Amino acid sequence: MQLLNKYLPLVRNVATRMAMGFPRSVELTDLINTGAIGLVEAFRNFDPDRGVKFETYAVPRIRGAILDELRALDWVPRSTRAKSREIDRALVVLENQLGRQPEKAELAKELKITMPELHHALDDVSCTNILSLDEIIYPEDDNRQVPRIETIYDHSVLSVLGEIEKGELHSYLVTAIDNLSEQEKLVIGLYYFEELTLKEIGEVMIISESRVSQIHTRAVKKLRGMVKERFALTA
């Protein structure tokens, strides 16, 4: 019981950060209670001989317990999920056409709706996804992909654990990129580090823009899969 009380603030920290991406109907208290189940599982399976700090081992277990519970609840109406899929399809079409993330005005035009209607739709579908702080995303008005955790700021709290997690993710991404094919590495490097558009990359590589888009999509999926596998199985 003393150990449980000692690490309950860790559960609260994880649950509070995850709650930022959930609908208001999801109570923080429920997330903390569910996360405590993951903490108990971590106590049960932790092996100190592996040379890993308990906090590092416990965080994925806590996060996983919360996500499993929320997925089981599935509070989202079918109409909202259908709207989410429609927006996702439009984003893919526009990215292939433009070679970059579309502006909101361009997305509204593709969907044949007004800007207020788009904002309302985006608010509705924001609750359809359970967000992971480790997920690689595009920040608004930025063509670079970064971990979602880097876009969340809380100046009132300094989390040493959060800094450790970011450092681990950055280090692993370097290793993960090395596992890509030479062609995929080149596309990732030109797109995210040289900040070229898909069209410009096609000109450099002497291939079509659509082919660059395919390579980019495949590489990002590989990286996302490797990151998810690494941090889901981290001990």
Protein backbone atom coordinates (compact mmCIF):
# COMPACT_ATOMS: atom_id res chain seq x y z
CA MET A 1 0.00 0.00 0.00
CA GLN A 2 2.88 2.37 0.72
CA LEU A 3 4.33 1.74 -2.73
CA LEU A 4 0.92 2.33 -4.30
CA ASN A 5 0.53 5.66 -2.51
CA LYS A 6 4.08 6.63 -3.46
CA TYR A 7 3.43 6.21 -7.20
CA LEU A 8 -0.18 7.45 -7.39
CA PRO A 9 1.11 10.95 -8.35
CA LEU A 10 2.70 9.27 -11.38
CA VAL A 11 -0.72 7.85 -12.33
CA ARG A 12 -2.29 11.29 -11.93
CA ASN A 13 0.43 12.86 -14.08
CA VAL A 14 -0.12 10.35 -16.91
CA ALA A 15 -3.93 10.57 -16.68
CA THR A 16 -3.92 14.39 -16.64
CA ARG A 17 -1.76 14.59 -19.75
CA MET A 18 -3.90 12.04 -21.59
CA ALA A 19 -7.12 13.80 -20.57
CA MET A 20 -6.13 16.82 -22.70
CA GLY A 21 -7.14 14.88 -25.82
CA PHE A 22 -10.38 13.39 -24.51
CA PRO A 23 -13.97 14.75 -24.52
CA ARG A 24 -15.15 16.60 -21.43
CA SER A 25 -17.48 13.69 -20.68
CA VAL A 26 -14.46 11.61 -19.70
CA GLU A 27 -13.79 12.21 -16.02
CA LEU A 28 -10.20 12.61 -14.86
CA THR A 29 -11.04 10.62 -11.72
CA ASP A 30 -12.09 7.65 -13.87
CA LEU A 31 -8.82 7.84 -15.80
CA ILE A 32 -6.81 7.88 -12.57
CA ASN A 33 -8.72 4.89 -11.17
CA THR A 34 -8.15 2.93 -14.37
CA GLY A 35 -4.50 3.98 -14.48
CA ALA A 36 -4.06 2.64 -10.95
CA ILE A 37 -4.93 -0.81 -12.33
CA GLY A 38 -2.04 -0.46 -14.76
CA LEU A 39 0.19 0.61 -11.87
CA VAL A 40 -0.71 -2.54 -9.92
CA GLU A 41 0.09 -4.63 -13.00
CA ALA A 42 3.45 -2.86 -13.27
CA PHE A 43 4.22 -3.69 -9.62
CA ARG A 44 3.36 -7.32 -10.29
CA ASN A 45 5.57 -7.71 -13.37
CA PHE A 46 8.47 -5.35 -12.70
CA ASP A 47 11.92 -6.95 -12.68
CA PRO A 48 14.51 -4.65 -11.03
CA ASP A 49 17.32 -6.84 -12.33
CA ARG A 50 16.75 -5.50 -15.85
CA GLY A 51 18.33 -2.21 -14.85
CA VAL A 52 15.34 -0.02 -15.75
CA LYS A 53 13.75 2.54 -13.47
CA PHE A 54 10.31 1.58 -12.24
CA GLU A 55 8.81 4.87 -13.48
CA THR A 56 10.01 4.16 -17.04
CA TYR A 57 8.52 0.67 -16.87
CA ALA A 58 5.23 1.75 -15.29
CA VAL A 59 4.22 4.63 -17.59
CA PRO A 60 3.37 2.47 -20.66
CA ARG A 61 1.40 0.08 -18.41
CA ILE A 62 -0.60 2.94 -16.90
CA ARG A 63 -1.22 4.50 -20.32
CA GLY A 64 -2.19 1.14 -21.81
CA ALA A 65 -4.71 0.39 -19.06
CA ILE A 66 -6.40 3.76 -19.63
CA LEU A 67 -6.51 3.35 -23.41
CA ASP A 68 -7.89 -0.19 -23.18
CA GLU A 69 -10.71 0.97 -20.92
CA LEU A 70 -11.63 3.93 -23.14
CA ARG A 71 -11.60 1.82 -26.30
CA ALA A 72 -13.98 -0.61 -24.62
CA LEU A 73 -16.39 2.23 -23.78
CA ASP A 74 -16.49 3.71 -27.33
CA TRP A 75 -18.65 6.78 -26.64
CA VAL A 76 -18.61 8.14 -30.21
CA PRO A 77 -21.83 8.10 -32.33
CA ARG A 78 -21.72 6.42 -35.76
CA SER A 79 -22.50 9.71 -37.54
CA THR A 80 -19.47 11.34 -35.92
CA ARG A 81 -17.20 8.46 -36.92
CA ALA A 82 -18.50 8.71 -40.50
CA LYS A 83 -17.75 12.44 -40.50
CA SER A 84 -14.25 11.71 -39.19
CA ARG A 85 -13.59 9.25 -42.03
CA GLU A 86 -14.82 11.80 -44.59
CA ILE A 87 -12.42 14.44 -43.26
CA ASP A 88 -9.54 11.95 -43.24
CA ARG A 89 -10.19 11.03 -46.89
CA ALA A 90 -10.27 14.70 -47.89
CA LEU A 91 -6.97 15.33 -46.08
CA VAL A 92 -5.29 12.47 -47.96
CA VAL A 93 -6.59 13.73 -51.32
CA LEU A 94 -5.43 17.29 -50.68
CA GLU A 95 -2.01 16.26 -49.38
CA ASN A 96 -1.44 14.22 -52.55
CA GLN A 97 -2.57 17.15 -54.70
CA LEU A 98 -0.72 19.90 -52.85
CA GLY A 99 2.35 18.06 -51.59
CA ARG A 100 1.77 19.51 -48.10
CA GLN A 101 -0.79 19.69 -45.34
CA PRO A 102 -3.85 21.62 -46.61
CA GLU A 103 -5.02 24.88 -45.09
CA LYS A 104 -8.39 24.80 -43.36
CA ALA A 105 -9.92 26.89 -46.14
CA GLU A 106 -8.74 24.33 -48.69
CA LEU A 107 -10.15 21.50 -46.61
CA ALA A 108 -13.52 23.27 -46.33
CA LYS A 109 -13.61 23.74 -50.11
CA GLU A 110 -12.80 20.06 -50.71
CA LEU A 111 -15.60 19.04 -48.33
CA LYS A 112 -17.96 21.62 -49.91
CA ILE A 113 -18.78 23.21 -46.55
CA THR A 114 -18.32 26.65 -45.01
CA MET A 115 -15.54 27.51 -42.59
CA PRO A 116 -17.94 27.64 -39.58
CA GLU A 117 -19.28 24.22 -40.62
CA LEU A 118 -15.72 22.90 -40.84
CA HIS A 119 -14.82 24.18 -37.37
CA HIS A 120 -17.99 22.59 -36.01
CA ALA A 121 -17.17 19.30 -37.74
CA LEU A 122 -13.61 19.32 -36.42
CA ASP A 123 -14.90 19.92 -32.90
CA ASP A 124 -17.28 16.98 -33.27
CA VAL A 125 -14.67 14.53 -34.55
CA SER A 126 -11.99 15.61 -32.07
CA CYS A 127 -13.42 13.08 -29.63
CA THR A 128 -13.20 10.14 -32.05
CA ASN A 129 -9.49 9.56 -31.51
CA ILE A 130 -7.75 8.50 -28.34
CA LEU A 131 -4.59 10.54 -28.50
CA SER A 132 -1.15 9.31 -27.64
CA LEU A 133 1.46 11.80 -26.51
CA ASP A 134 4.08 9.74 -28.35
CA GLU A 135 2.27 9.97 -31.70
CA ILE A 136 4.11 11.82 -34.48
CA ILE A 137 1.96 14.71 -35.79
CA TYR A 138 2.06 17.92 -37.83
CA PRO A 139 1.76 21.03 -35.64
CA GLU A 140 -0.50 23.70 -37.11
CA ASP A 141 1.24 25.94 -39.69
CA ASP A 142 4.31 23.68 -39.70
CA ASN A 143 5.37 21.08 -42.25
CA ARG A 144 7.61 19.27 -39.77
CA GLN A 145 6.39 16.25 -37.84
CA VAL A 146 7.03 16.15 -34.10
CA PRO A 147 5.86 14.03 -31.15
CA ARG A 148 2.49 15.30 -29.90
CA ILE A 149 4.02 15.79 -26.44
CA GLU A 150 6.16 18.63 -27.84
CA THR A 151 3.04 20.63 -28.77
CA ILE A 152 1.61 20.53 -25.24
CA TYR A 153 2.79 23.14 -22.79
CA ASP A 154 2.08 23.52 -19.10
CA HIS A 155 4.30 26.26 -17.71
CA SER A 156 3.04 25.62 -14.17
CA VAL A 157 4.44 22.08 -14.08
CA LEU A 158 7.97 20.89 -14.85
CA SER A 159 7.95 17.14 -15.53
CA VAL A 160 11.31 15.42 -15.36
CA LEU A 161 9.61 12.21 -16.51
CA GLY A 162 8.26 14.00 -19.57
CA GLU A 163 11.74 15.18 -20.52
CA ILE A 164 13.05 11.64 -20.16
CA GLU A 165 10.28 10.27 -22.38
CA LYS A 166 10.98 12.88 -25.07
CA GLY A 167 14.68 12.10 -25.00
CA GLU A 168 14.00 8.39 -25.34
CA LEU A 169 11.64 8.99 -28.26
CA HIS A 170 14.10 11.26 -30.08
CA SER A 171 16.92 8.77 -29.63
CA TYR A 172 14.81 5.89 -30.87
CA LEU A 173 13.62 7.81 -33.95
CA VAL A 174 17.23 8.13 -35.09
CA THR A 175 17.58 4.35 -34.86
CA ALA A 176 14.20 3.77 -36.50
CA ILE A 177 15.07 5.95 -39.51
CA ASP A 178 18.21 3.85 -40.04
CA ASN A 179 15.92 0.86 -40.60
CA LEU A 180 14.22 2.50 -43.58
CA SER A 181 15.25 1.84 -47.18
CA GLU A 182 17.66 4.32 -48.78
CA GLN A 183 14.82 5.73 -50.88
CA GLU A 184 12.61 6.21 -47.81
CA LYS A 185 15.47 7.84 -45.86
CA LEU A 186 16.00 10.29 -48.70
CA VAL A 187 12.32 11.27 -48.84
CA ILE A 188 12.14 11.70 -45.05
CA GLY A 189 15.34 13.76 -45.03
CA LEU A 190 14.29 16.05 -47.88
CA TYR A 191 10.74 16.49 -46.57
CA TYR A 192 11.39 17.07 -42.87
CA PHE A 193 14.94 18.37 -42.71
CA GLU A 194 15.36 20.19 -46.03
CA GLU A 195 11.65 21.15 -45.98
CA LEU A 196 11.07 20.45 -49.67
CA THR A 197 7.57 19.83 -51.00
CA LEU A 198 6.63 16.46 -52.47
CA LYS A 199 6.81 17.99 -55.94
CA GLU A 200 10.33 19.33 -55.34
CA ILE A 201 11.43 15.97 -53.97
CA GLY A 202 10.11 14.29 -57.11
CA GLU A 203 12.23 16.62 -59.23
CA VAL A 204 15.32 15.82 -57.16
CA MET A 205 14.75 12.06 -57.29
CA ILE A 206 13.47 12.13 -60.90
CA ILE A 207 10.22 10.36 -59.99
CA SER A 208 6.58 11.45 -59.99
CA GLU A 209 5.05 13.44 -57.16
CA SER A 210 2.52 10.66 -56.55
CA ARG A 211 5.37 8.16 -56.20
CA VAL A 212 7.06 10.43 -53.64
CA SER A 213 3.77 10.58 -51.75
CA GLN A 214 3.57 6.78 -51.70
CA ILE A 215 7.14 6.47 -50.41
CA HIS A 216 6.50 9.16 -47.78
CA THR A 217 3.33 7.45 -46.57
CA ARG A 218 5.04 4.06 -46.40
CA ALA A 219 8.03 5.46 -44.49
CA VAL A 220 5.85 7.29 -41.95
CA LYS A 221 3.78 4.15 -41.36
CA LYS A 222 6.95 2.15 -40.78
CA LEU A 223 8.29 4.72 -38.32
CA ARG A 224 4.97 4.96 -36.50
CA GLY A 225 4.81 1.17 -36.25
CA MET A 226 8.37 0.89 -34.93
CA VAL A 227 7.79 3.66 -32.37
CA LYS A 228 4.52 2.13 -31.16
CA GLU A 229 6.08 -1.31 -30.88
CA ARG A 230 9.13 0.02 -29.06
CA PHE A 231 7.23 2.07 -26.49
CA ALA A 232 4.45 -0.48 -26.01
CA LEU A 233 6.99 -3.18 -25.19
CA THR A 234 9.48 -0.99 -23.32
CA ALA A 235 10.42 -2.38 -20.00
